[in-house]
């Protein structure tokens, strides 16, 4: 018996309603400038872009292991358009950025909002072209996958440099852009693990090989993530320049940021590293999904570590906004047959692969 799927009209209605609710919370109910919406939007952008980037990378690398869940990963691409328009709401909170009081050529409200909106919009159109090319079996799908990956890197770099790093301008880190798109890709892998958990409740799933490969990729990218973290920390520590060191000291020495920072390291790298060393664990859907949720939670908390020393966040409002935005992601994945053509995926039995 086939599972009920959400209709396309219902998905569009959900997008409109949730978008209006989030906009209303920010524009009418929360008039004091704070970073609540910034944290929610940053994490939402990482989830959506990361899912599509994972699928696009699968196209370029001819990754057979991704075929069974490609449809769900691609299904969230319309939310790139939602994220693009929601990014304009940052204009209502622009006062959280100190540079807004003394703008310059690069850091001024209009250019800040325009460049992020345009790049997110281009990412949406690239993802749309990619999904259509994959659905039709077009030979141009690799070209569109490459375009999307390039825009993904630019977009996540802008999120890092504009949305997050400029909160403490003139503090700079040239590595933060790469750090953010690695995080987004890892978030996409976490989403893939959760998708597999739900898919594998069907006894005839034949997805153990896909789960194993997803767990291996989660393990690998958690190591890449901590490598980027250490590289950034090492350069700042070795240079010992006061304007750079102060940024780190606040987050690793002062409670509660120091506790949150340690929690991020444990949840994104240390715990997954130990657990995913086991080959048996990699074939357990519940355990892999739990690790994925832990890692995603750590990446979310990390956004708070970046933001809280500079701007306030309302926990109740943040919980509501995150719940609504993630509900949109879940709805699109649940209604993936309504969004992405059936030809995007073909059932593959891959249990026999090592």
Foldseek 3Di string as FASTA:
>chain_A
DDDDFDAPVVLVVLLVVLLVVLLCCLPPVDQDQFCLVLLLLLLLLLQLLLLLLLLLVCVQVVPPLCQVQSLLSLLSLVCLLVSLVVLLSCLSNVVLQVCQVVPDDCDYSVNLSVVLSVLSVQLSVLSVVLLVCLLVVHPCNNVSSVVNNVSLLVNQLSSQVRSFVSSLPPADDPLRSVLRNLLSNLLSLLVVLLVVLVQVVPVVNLNLVSLLVSLVVLQVSLVVNVVSVVVRVVVCVVVVDVVHVVLVCCQCPDPPSVVLVVLLCCLSHVVSNVQSVDSVQSRDSVSSNVSSVSNSVSVSSVSCSSRVVRGDHDVVSSVVSNVSSVVSSVSSSSNSVNRGPPSSHDRDNDPPPD
